[in-house]
PDB file of N, CA and C in Angstrom:
ATOM      1  N   MET A   1      97.568  69.896 195.197  1.00  0.00           N
ATOM      2  CA  MET A   1      98.690  69.307 194.835  1.00  0.00           C
ATOM      3  C   MET A   1      98.391  68.255 193.655  1.00  0.00           C
ATOM      4  N   ASN A   2      97.079  67.879 193.582  1.00  0.00           N
ATOM      5  CA  ASN A   2      96.674  66.595 192.707  1.00  0.00           C
ATOM      6  C   ASN A   2      97.234  67.159 191.217  1.00  0.00           C
ATOM      7  N   ASN A   3      96.645  68.351 190.826  1.00  0.00           N
ATOM      8  CA  ASN A   3      96.712  68.885 189.458  1.00  0.00           C
ATOM      9  C   ASN A   3      98.355  68.817 189.192  1.00  0.00           C
ATOM     10  N   LEU A   4      99.164  69.370 190.263  1.00  0.00           N
ATOM     11  CA  LEU A   4     100.537  69.258 190.060  1.00  0.00           C
ATOM     12  C   LEU A   4     101.256  67.854 189.792  1.00  0.00           C
ATOM     13  N   ASN A   5     100.549  66.801 190.293  1.00  0.00           N
ATOM     14  CA  ASN A   5     100.990  65.644 189.978  1.00  0.00           C
ATOM     15  C   ASN A   5     100.911  64.984 188.630  1.00  0.00           C
ATOM     16  N   GLN A   6     100.122  65.826 187.873  1.00  0.00           N
ATOM     17  CA  GLN A   6      99.757  65.515 186.439  1.00  0.00           C
ATOM     18  C   GLN A   6     100.925  65.651 185.697  1.00  0.00           C
ATOM     19  N   PHE A   7     102.098  66.740 186.204  1.00  0.00           N
ATOM     20  CA  PHE A   7     102.989  67.271 185.354  1.00  0.00           C
ATOM     21  C   PHE A   7     104.343  66.732 186.290  1.00  0.00           C
ATOM     22  N   ILE A   8     104.341  66.777 187.443  1.00  0.00           N
ATOM     23  CA  ILE A   8     105.544  66.360 188.348  1.00  0.00           C
ATOM     24  C   ILE A   8     105.330  65.336 188.863  1.00  0.00           C
ATOM     25  N   LYS A   9     106.536  64.222 189.215  1.00  0.00           N
ATOM     26  CA  LYS A   9     106.814  62.932 189.651  1.00  0.00           C
ATOM     27  C   LYS A   9     106.743  63.281 190.892  1.00  0.00           C
ATOM     28  N   TYR A  10     107.986  64.026 191.381  1.00  0.00           N
ATOM     29  CA  TYR A  10     108.060  64.317 192.920  1.00  0.00           C
ATOM     30  C   TYR A  10     108.890  65.518 193.150  1.00  0.00           C
ATOM     31  N   ILE A  11     108.799  66.001 194.197  1.00  0.00           N
ATOM     32  CA  ILE A  11     109.765  67.079 194.727  1.00  0.00           C
ATOM     33  C   ILE A  11     110.364  66.378 196.147  1.00  0.00           C
ATOM     34  N   LYS A  12     111.628  66.372 196.125  1.00  0.00           N
ATOM     35  CA  LYS A  12     112.252  65.908 197.415  1.00  0.00           C
ATOM     36  C   LYS A  12     113.537  66.367 197.413  1.00  0.00           C
ATOM     37  N   LEU A  13     114.045  66.141 198.761  1.00  0.00           N
ATOM     38  CA  LEU A  13     115.567  66.304 198.894  1.00  0.00           C
ATOM     39  C   LEU A  13     116.130  65.232 198.380  1.00  0.00           C
ATOM     40  N   ASP A  14     117.483  65.089 198.033  1.00  0.00           N
ATOM     41  CA  ASP A  14     118.393  63.898 197.729  1.00  0.00           C
ATOM     42  C   ASP A  14     119.346  63.705 198.887  1.00  0.00           C
ATOM     43  N   ASP A  15     120.252  63.047 198.770  1.00  0.00           N
ATOM     44  CA  ASP A  15     121.194  62.718 199.907  1.00  0.00           C
ATOM     45  C   ASP A  15     122.242  63.836 200.456  1.00  0.00           C
ATOM     46  N   GLU A  16     122.248  64.553 199.189  1.00  0.00           N
ATOM     47  CA  GLU A  16     123.408  65.762 199.294  1.00  0.00           C
ATOM     48  C   GLU A  16     122.467  67.187 199.418  1.00  0.00           C
ATOM     49  N   LYS A  17     121.192  66.736 199.967  1.00  0.00           N
ATOM     50  CA  LYS A  17     120.431  68.055 200.617  1.00  0.00           C
ATOM     51  C   LYS A  17     120.014  68.770 199.214  1.00  0.00           C
ATOM     52  N   ARG A  18     119.992  68.378 198.002  1.00  0.00           N
ATOM     53  CA  ARG A  18     119.546  69.168 196.693  1.00  0.00           C
ATOM     54  C   ARG A  18     118.214  68.904 196.600  1.00  0.00           C
ATOM     55  N   ILE A  19     117.463  70.133 196.108  1.00  0.00           N
ATOM     56  CA  ILE A  19     116.058  69.781 195.967  1.00  0.00           C
ATOM     57  C   ILE A  19     115.742  69.283 194.365  1.00  0.00           C
ATOM     58  N   LEU A  20     115.003  68.270 194.389  1.00  0.00           N
ATOM     59  CA  LEU A  20     114.985  67.508 193.249  1.00  0.00           C
ATOM     60  C   LEU A  20     113.571  67.550 192.713  1.00  0.00           C
ATOM     61  N   VAL A  21     113.372  68.101 191.676  1.00  0.00           N
ATOM     62  CA  VAL A  21     111.981  68.440 190.932  1.00  0.00           C
ATOM     63  C   VAL A  21     111.949  67.568 189.775  1.00  0.00           C
ATOM     64  N   SER A  22     111.389  66.494 189.709  1.00  0.00           N
ATOM     65  CA  SER A  22     111.284  65.620 188.496  1.00  0.00           C
ATOM     66  C   SER A  22     109.851  65.516 187.657  1.00  0.00           C
ATOM     67  N   LEU A  23     110.038  65.859 186.489  1.00  0.00           N
ATOM     68  CA  LEU A  23     108.948  65.832 185.504  1.00  0.00           C
ATOM     69  C   LEU A  23     108.621  64.410 185.105  1.00  0.00           C
ATOM     70  N   HIS A  24     107.268  64.383 184.830  1.00  0.00           N
ATOM     71  CA  HIS A  24     106.793  63.118 184.069  1.00  0.00           C
ATOM     72  C   HIS A  24     107.974  62.939 182.870  1.00  0.00           C
ATOM     73  N   ASN A  25     107.861  62.017 182.148  1.00  0.00           N
ATOM     74  CA  ASN A  25     108.902  61.751 180.981  1.00  0.00           C
ATOM     75  C   ASN A  25     108.353  62.490 179.854  1.00  0.00           C
ATOM     76  N   LYS A  26     106.905  62.505 179.813  1.00  0.00           N
ATOM     77  CA  LYS A  26     106.508  63.156 178.358  1.00  0.00           C
ATOM     78  C   LYS A  26     106.640  64.581 178.432  1.00  0.00           C
ATOM     79  N   TYR A  27     106.982  65.276 179.494  1.00  0.00           N
ATOM     80  CA  TYR A  27     107.486  66.532 179.884  1.00  0.00           C
ATOM     81  C   TYR A  27     109.023  67.065 179.642  1.00  0.00           C
ATOM     82  N   ALA A  28     109.582  65.624 179.662  1.00  0.00           N
ATOM     83  CA  ALA A  28     111.316  65.889 179.633  1.00  0.00           C
ATOM     84  C   ALA A  28     111.770  66.655 178.415  1.00  0.00           C
ATOM     85  N   PRO A  29     111.159  66.754 177.056  1.00  0.00           N
ATOM     86  CA  PRO A  29     111.806  67.455 176.020  1.00  0.00           C
ATOM     87  C   PRO A  29     111.896  68.915 176.299  1.00  0.00           C
ATOM     88  N   TYR A  30     110.660  69.346 177.391  1.00  0.00           N
ATOM     89  CA  TYR A  30     110.669  70.829 177.557  1.00  0.00           C
ATOM     90  C   TYR A  30     112.102  71.281 178.238  1.00  0.00           C
ATOM     91  N   LEU A  31     112.671  70.364 179.111  1.00  0.00           N
ATOM     92  CA  LEU A  31     113.861  70.780 179.665  1.00  0.00           C
ATOM     93  C   LEU A  31     115.035  70.723 178.935  1.00  0.00           C
ATOM     94  N   LYS A  32     114.960  70.380 177.820  1.00  0.00           N
ATOM     95  CA  LYS A  32     116.028  70.381 176.829  1.00  0.00           C
ATOM     96  C   LYS A  32     116.215  71.781 176.013  1.00  0.00           C
ATOM     97  N   GLU A  33     115.103  72.576 175.998  1.00  0.00           N
ATOM     98  CA  GLU A  33     114.902  73.850 175.430  1.00  0.00           C
ATOM     99  C   GLU A  33     115.756  74.942 175.896  1.00  0.00           C
ATOM    100  N   LYS A  34     116.507  75.697 175.179  1.00  0.00           N
ATOM    101  CA  LYS A  34     117.331  76.587 176.013  1.00  0.00           C
ATOM    102  C   LYS A  34     116.592  77.720 176.469  1.00  0.00           C
ATOM    103  N   GLN A  35     115.496  78.210 175.923  1.00  0.00           N
ATOM    104  CA  GLN A  35     114.742  79.053 176.450  1.00  0.00           C
ATOM    105  C   GLN A  35     113.990  78.760 177.793  1.00  0.00           C
ATOM    106  N   SER A  36     113.650  77.573 177.815  1.00  0.00           N
ATOM    107  CA  SER A  36     112.887  76.804 178.989  1.00  0.00           C
ATOM    108  C   SER A  36     113.935  76.693 180.133  1.00  0.00           C
ATOM    109  N   ARG A  37     115.329  76.441 179.693  1.00  0.00           N
ATOM    110  CA  ARG A  37     116.303  76.400 180.863  1.00  0.00           C
ATOM    111  C   ARG A  37     116.518  77.550 181.391  1.00  0.00           C
ATOM    112  N   ILE A  38     116.643  78.856 180.761  1.00  0.00           N
ATOM    113  CA  ILE A  38     116.902  80.084 181.178  1.00  0.00           C
ATOM    114  C   ILE A  38     115.814  80.485 182.030  1.00  0.00           C
ATOM    115  N   MET A  39     114.225  80.389 181.648  1.00  0.00           N
ATOM    116  CA  MET A  39     113.095  80.678 182.153  1.00  0.00           C
ATOM    117  C   MET A  39     113.171  79.829 183.878  1.00  0.00           C
ATOM    118  N   ILE A  40     113.580  78.694 183.634  1.00  0.00           N
ATOM    119  CA  ILE A  40     113.486  78.072 184.966  1.00  0.00           C
ATOM    120  C   ILE A  40     114.482  78.457 185.974  1.00  0.00           C
ATOM    121  N   LYS A  41     115.559  78.799 185.424  1.00  0.00           N
ATOM    122  CA  LYS A  41     116.660  79.320 186.375  1.00  0.00           C
ATOM    123  C   LYS A  41     116.558  80.694 186.733  1.00  0.00           C
ATOM    124  N   ASN A  42     115.950  81.514 186.029  1.00  0.00           N
ATOM    125  CA  ASN A  42     115.442  82.813 186.691  1.00  0.00           C
ATOM    126  C   ASN A  42     114.275  82.889 187.591  1.00  0.00           C
ATOM    127  N   GLY A  43     113.446  81.793 187.052  1.00  0.00           N
ATOM    128  CA  GLY A  43     112.356  81.738 188.149  1.00  0.00           C
ATOM    129  C   GLY A  43     112.840  81.203 189.594  1.00  0.00           C
ATOM    130  N   ILE A  44     113.611  80.438 189.476  1.00  0.00           N
ATOM    131  CA  ILE A  44     114.260  79.787 190.587  1.00  0.00           C
ATOM    132  C   ILE A  44     114.800  80.758 191.473  1.00  0.00           C
ATOM    133  N   LYS A  45     115.958  81.348 190.721  1.00  0.00           N
ATOM    134  CA  LYS A  45     116.681  82.736 191.482  1.00  0.00           C
ATOM    135  C   LYS A  45     115.558  83.768 192.128  1.00  0.00           C
ATOM    136  N   GLU A  46     114.592  83.747 191.352  1.00  0.00           N
ATOM    137  CA  GLU A  46     113.748  84.987 191.923  1.00  0.00           C
ATOM    138  C   GLU A  46     112.699  84.467 193.207  1.00  0.00           C
ATOM    139  N   ILE A  47     112.560  83.153 193.220  1.00  0.00           N
ATOM    140  CA  ILE A  47     111.953  82.378 194.504  1.00  0.00           C
ATOM    141  C   ILE A  47     112.764  82.411 195.388  1.00  0.00           C
ATOM    142  N   LEU A  48     114.046  81.977 195.239  1.00  0.00           N
ATOM    143  CA  LEU A  48     114.960  81.780 196.178  1.00  0.00           C
ATOM    144  C   LEU A  48     116.048  82.696 197.191  1.00  0.00           C
ATOM    145  N   LYS A  49     116.155  83.639 195.937  1.00  0.00           N
ATOM    146  CA  LYS A  49     116.815  84.953 196.213  1.00  0.00           C
ATOM    147  C   LYS A  49     117.848  84.519 196.581  1.00  0.00           C
ATOM    148  N   GLU A  50     118.744  84.827 197.940  1.00  0.00           N
ATOM    149  CA  GLU A  50     120.076  84.779 198.314  1.00  0.00           C
ATOM    150  C   GLU A  50     120.352  83.338 198.589  1.00  0.00           C
ATOM    151  N   ASP A  51     119.437  82.584 198.652  1.00  0.00           N
ATOM    152  CA  ASP A  51     119.546  81.186 199.241  1.00  0.00           C
ATOM    153  C   ASP A  51     119.836  80.192 197.883  1.00  0.00           C
ATOM    154  N   PHE A  52     119.770  80.693 196.819  1.00  0.00           N
ATOM    155  CA  PHE A  52     120.112  79.912 195.535  1.00  0.00           C
ATOM    156  C   PHE A  52     121.725  79.697 195.466  1.00  0.00           C
ATOM    157  N   LYS A  53     122.082  78.664 195.148  1.00  0.00           N
ATOM    158  CA  LYS A  53     123.382  78.440 194.721  1.00  0.00           C
ATOM    159  C   LYS A  53     123.699  77.727 193.492  1.00  0.00           C
ATOM    160  N   LEU A  54     123.070  76.890 193.084  1.00  0.00           N
ATOM    161  CA  LEU A  54     123.077  76.067 191.668  1.00  0.00           C
ATOM    162  C   LEU A  54     122.057  75.353 191.103  1.00  0.00           C
ATOM    163  N   LEU A  55     121.971  75.185 189.962  1.00  0.00           N
ATOM    164  CA  LEU A  55     120.713  74.671 189.177  1.00  0.00           C
ATOM    165  C   LEU A  55     121.428  73.729 188.201  1.00  0.00           C
ATOM    166  N   GLU A  56     121.024  72.468 188.160  1.00  0.00           N
ATOM    167  CA  GLU A  56     121.554  71.455 187.040  1.00  0.00           C
ATOM    168  C   GLU A  56     120.347  70.757 186.590  1.00  0.00           C
ATOM    169  N   ILE A  57     120.226  70.949 185.350  1.00  0.00           N
ATOM    170  CA  ILE A  57     118.858  70.254 184.559  1.00  0.00           C
ATOM    171  C   ILE A  57     119.411  69.164 183.821  1.00  0.00           C
ATOM    172  N   GLY A  58     118.771  68.067 184.050  1.00  0.00           N
ATOM    173  CA  GLY A  58     118.989  66.517 183.746  1.00  0.00           C
ATOM    174  C   GLY A  58     117.848  66.286 182.598  1.00  0.00           C
ATOM    175  N   LYS A  59     117.915  64.938 182.419  1.00  0.00           N
ATOM    176  CA  LYS A  59     116.975  64.653 181.333  1.00  0.00           C
ATOM    177  C   LYS A  59     115.422  65.121 181.781  1.00  0.00           C
ATOM    178  N   ASN A  60     114.994  64.463 183.073  1.00  0.00           N
ATOM    179  CA  ASN A  60     113.655  65.010 183.513  1.00  0.00           C
ATOM    180  C   ASN A  60     113.727  65.456 184.868  1.00  0.00           C
ATOM    181  N   VAL A  61     114.632  65.922 185.302  1.00  0.00           N
ATOM    182  CA  VAL A  61     114.662  66.719 186.740  1.00  0.00           C
ATOM    183  C   VAL A  61     115.811  67.765 186.751  1.00  0.00           C
ATOM    184  N   CYS A  62     115.206  68.602 187.665  1.00  0.00           N
ATOM    185  CA  CYS A  62     115.926  69.626 188.125  1.00  0.00           C
ATOM    186  C   CYS A  62     116.457  69.646 189.535  1.00  0.00           C
ATOM    187  N   ARG A  63     117.923  69.835 189.809  1.00  0.00           N
ATOM    188  CA  ARG A  63     118.367  69.727 190.870  1.00  0.00           C
ATOM    189  C   ARG A  63     118.804  70.999 191.570  1.00  0.00           C
ATOM    190  N   ILE A  64     118.440  71.374 192.583  1.00  0.00           N
ATOM    191  CA  ILE A  64     118.642  72.666 193.066  1.00  0.00           C
ATOM    192  C   ILE A  64     119.389  72.864 194.317  1.00  0.00           C
ATOM    193  N   THR A  65     120.630  73.455 194.301  1.00  0.00           N
ATOM    194  CA  THR A  65     121.303  73.513 195.289  1.00  0.00           C
ATOM    195  C   THR A  65     121.187  75.027 196.169  1.00  0.00           C
ATOM    196  N   VAL A  66     120.731  74.777 197.528  1.00  0.00           N
ATOM    197  CA  VAL A  66     120.440  75.909 198.167  1.00  0.00           C
ATOM    198  C   VAL A  66     121.438  76.160 199.424  1.00  0.00           C
ATOM    199  N   LYS A  67     121.469  77.265 200.074  1.00  0.00           N
ATOM    200  CA  LYS A  67     122.232  77.552 201.175  1.00  0.00           C
ATOM    201  C   LYS A  67     122.077  76.416 202.356  1.00  0.00           C
ATOM    202  N   GLU A  68     123.171  75.964 202.880  1.00  0.00           N
ATOM    203  CA  GLU A  68     122.996  74.972 203.743  1.00  0.00           C
ATOM    204  C   GLU A  68     122.152  75.400 204.807  1.00  0.00           C
ATOM    205  N   GLY A  69     121.074  74.788 205.244  1.00  0.00           N
ATOM    206  CA  GLY A  69     120.129  74.792 206.470  1.00  0.00           C
ATOM    207  C   GLY A  69     119.005  75.392 206.037  1.00  0.00           C
ATOM    208  N   THR A  70     118.688  75.924 204.637  1.00  0.00           N
ATOM    209  CA  THR A  70     117.487  76.310 204.119  1.00  0.00           C
ATOM    210  C   THR A  70     116.751  75.567 203.176  1.00  0.00           C
ATOM    211  N   GLU A  71     117.359  74.095 203.103  1.00  0.00           N
ATOM    212  CA  GLU A  71     116.834  73.357 202.114  1.00  0.00           C
ATOM    213  C   GLU A  71     115.118  73.087 202.510  1.00  0.00           C
ATOM    214  N   GLU A  72     114.718  72.585 203.749  1.00  0.00           N
ATOM    215  CA  GLU A  72     113.281  72.295 204.111  1.00  0.00           C
ATOM    216  C   GLU A  72     112.378  73.610 203.760  1.00  0.00           C
ATOM    217  N   GLU A  73     113.081  74.687 204.034  1.00  0.00           N
ATOM    218  CA  GLU A  73     112.261  76.078 203.860  1.00  0.00           C
ATOM    219  C   GLU A  73     112.010  76.155 202.357  1.00  0.00           C
ATOM    220  N   ASN A  74     113.106  76.048 201.723  1.00  0.00           N
ATOM    221  CA  ASN A  74     113.198  76.351 200.132  1.00  0.00           C
ATOM    222  C   ASN A  74     112.374  75.266 199.170  1.00  0.00           C
ATOM    223  N   ILE A  75     112.396  74.133 199.891  1.00  0.00           N
ATOM    224  CA  ILE A  75     111.362  73.330 199.066  1.00  0.00           C
ATOM    225  C   ILE A  75     110.111  73.070 199.351  1.00  0.00           C
ATOM    226  N   LYS A  76     109.617  73.810 200.339  1.00  0.00           N
ATOM    227  CA  LYS A  76     108.158  74.235 200.426  1.00  0.00           C
ATOM    228  C   LYS A  76     107.857  75.428 199.525  1.00  0.00           C
ATOM    229  N   LYS A  77     108.987  76.577 199.472  1.00  0.00           N
ATOM    230  CA  LYS A  77     108.625  77.745 198.533  1.00  0.00           C
ATOM    231  C   LYS A  77     108.488  77.254 197.002  1.00  0.00           C
ATOM    232  N   ILE A  78     109.361  76.165 196.588  1.00  0.00           N
ATOM    233  CA  ILE A  78     109.399  75.857 195.441  1.00  0.00           C
ATOM    234  C   ILE A  78     108.043  75.194 195.181  1.00  0.00           C
ATOM    235  N   GLU A  79     107.618  74.258 196.087  1.00  0.00           N
ATOM    236  CA  GLU A  79     106.241  73.712 195.819  1.00  0.00           C
ATOM    237  C   GLU A  79     105.241  74.638 195.723  1.00  0.00           C
ATOM    238  N   ASN A  80     105.070  75.731 196.661  1.00  0.00           N
ATOM    239  CA  ASN A  80     103.982  76.482 196.521  1.00  0.00           C
ATOM    240  C   ASN A  80     104.057  77.345 195.368  1.00  0.00           C
ATOM    241  N   GLU A  81     105.235  77.559 194.735  1.00  0.00           N
ATOM    242  CA  GLU A  81     105.257  78.519 193.591  1.00  0.00           C
ATOM    243  C   GLU A  81     104.747  77.863 192.382  1.00  0.00           C
ATOM    244  N   LEU A  82     105.101  76.413 192.467  1.00  0.00           N
ATOM    245  CA  LEU A  82     104.547  75.613 191.077  1.00  0.00           C
ATOM    246  C   LEU A  82     103.044  75.416 191.249  1.00  0.00           C
ATOM    247  N   VAL A  83     102.406  75.199 192.487  1.00  0.00           N
ATOM    248  CA  VAL A  83     100.917  75.151 192.622  1.00  0.00           C
ATOM    249  C   VAL A  83     100.223  76.576 192.152  1.00  0.00           C
ATOM    250  N   LYS A  84     100.881  77.732 192.621  1.00  0.00           N
ATOM    251  CA  LYS A  84     100.423  78.800 192.275  1.00  0.00           C
ATOM    252  C   LYS A  84     100.458  78.975 190.635  1.00  0.00           C
ATOM    253  N   GLY A  85     101.617  78.745 190.276  1.00  0.00           N
ATOM    254  CA  GLY A  85     101.682  78.761 188.608  1.00  0.00           C
ATOM    255  C   GLY A  85     100.913  78.024 187.923  1.00  0.00           C
ATOM    256  N   LEU A  86     100.595  76.846 188.187  1.00  0.00           N
ATOM    257  CA  LEU A  86      99.604  76.049 187.691  1.00  0.00           C
ATOM    258  C   LEU A  86      98.403  76.322 187.871  1.00  0.00           C
ATOM    259  N   GLN A  87      98.046  76.936 188.657  1.00  0.00           N
ATOM    260  CA  GLN A  87      96.466  77.617 189.228  1.00  0.00           C
ATOM    261  C   GLN A  87      96.246  78.598 188.229  1.00  0.00           C
ATOM    262  N   MET A  88      97.034  79.413 188.125  1.00  0.00           N
ATOM    263  CA  MET A  88      96.945  80.740 187.183  1.00  0.00           C
ATOM    264  C   MET A  88      96.802  80.073 185.659  1.00  0.00           C
ATOM    265  N   ALA A  89      97.689  79.246 185.453  1.00  0.00           N
ATOM    266  CA  ALA A  89      97.557  78.593 183.927  1.00  0.00           C
ATOM    267  C   ALA A  89      96.162  78.085 183.942  1.00  0.00           C
ATOM    268  N   MET A  90      95.974  77.329 184.621  1.00  0.00           N
ATOM    269  CA  MET A  90      94.600  76.502 184.712  1.00  0.00           C
ATOM    270  C   MET A  90      93.243  77.790 184.628  1.00  0.00           C
ATOM    271  N   GLU A  91      93.405  78.822 185.328  1.00  0.00           N
ATOM    272  CA  GLU A  91      92.553  79.846 185.381  1.00  0.00           C
ATOM    273  C   GLU A  91      92.502  80.559 183.955  1.00  0.00           C
ATOM    274  N   PHE A  92      93.946  80.834 183.295  1.00  0.00           N
ATOM    275  CA  PHE A  92      93.721  81.311 182.325  1.00  0.00           C
ATOM    276  C   PHE A  92      93.199  80.818 181.063  1.00  0.00           C
ATOM    277  N   LEU A  93      93.628  79.289 181.145  1.00  0.00           N
ATOM    278  CA  LEU A  93      93.019  78.475 179.955  1.00  0.00           C
ATOM    279  C   LEU A  93      91.502  78.605 180.083  1.00  0.00           C
ATOM    280  N   ALA A  94      90.879  78.256 181.485  1.00  0.00           N
ATOM    281  CA  ALA A  94      89.331  78.271 181.602  1.00  0.00           C
ATOM    282  C   ALA A  94      88.758  79.446 181.109  1.00  0.00           C
ATOM    283  N   ASN A  95      89.351  80.624 181.255  1.00  0.00           N
ATOM    284  CA  ASN A  95      88.792  82.002 180.741  1.00  0.00           C
ATOM    285  C   ASN A  95      88.867  81.944 179.116  1.00  0.00           C
ATOM    286  N   TYR A  96      90.045  81.619 178.849  1.00  0.00           N
ATOM    287  CA  TYR A  96      90.445  81.516 177.389  1.00  0.00           C
ATOM    288  C   TYR A  96      89.113  80.755 176.645  1.00  0.00           C
ATOM    289  N   GLN A  97      88.815  79.518 177.263  1.00  0.00           N
ATOM    290  CA  GLN A  97      87.847  78.390 176.822  1.00  0.00           C
ATOM    291  C   GLN A  97      86.601  79.322 176.699  1.00  0.00           C
ATOM    292  N   LYS A  98      86.277  80.046 177.667  1.00  0.00           N
ATOM    293  CA  LYS A  98      84.984  80.704 178.097  1.00  0.00           C
ATOM    294  C   LYS A  98      84.705  81.564 176.906  1.00  0.00           C
ATOM    295  N   ASN A  99      85.850  82.629 176.781  1.00  0.00           N
ATOM    296  CA  ASN A  99      85.603  83.480 175.663  1.00  0.00           C
ATOM    297  C   ASN A  99      85.659  82.893 174.264  1.00  0.00           C
ATOM    298  N   GLU A 100      85.987  81.721 173.996  1.00  0.00           N
ATOM    299  CA  GLU A 100      86.184  81.147 172.580  1.00  0.00           C
ATOM    300  C   GLU A 100      84.670  80.709 172.460  1.00  0.00           C
ATOM    301  N   ASN A 101      83.883  80.438 173.361  1.00  0.00           N
ATOM    302  CA  ASN A 101      82.470  79.870 173.265  1.00  0.00           C
ATOM    303  C   ASN A 101      81.346  81.142 173.245  1.00  0.00           C
TER     304      ASN A 101
END
């Protein structure tokens, strides 16, 4: 989770039981890009499947509404997928740098 903290401020539930994923401010411009928004929405739908209800993207936060009663299970799914994705990206970069040398 340490590496994830370089990019993500927090992952938590709000008072309305929405899953909040907040990025550090320096990554906020990424959320404004149309392609990024499409990729995020498609990724969330793929992870959550029928539990997915709604995605709202703000300045530096994604609010994900899921089927009632599945919030805790789905926050763990999202966190696990973020960690896996970051690990894959870091492995790719390490291999790329190794091949460059």
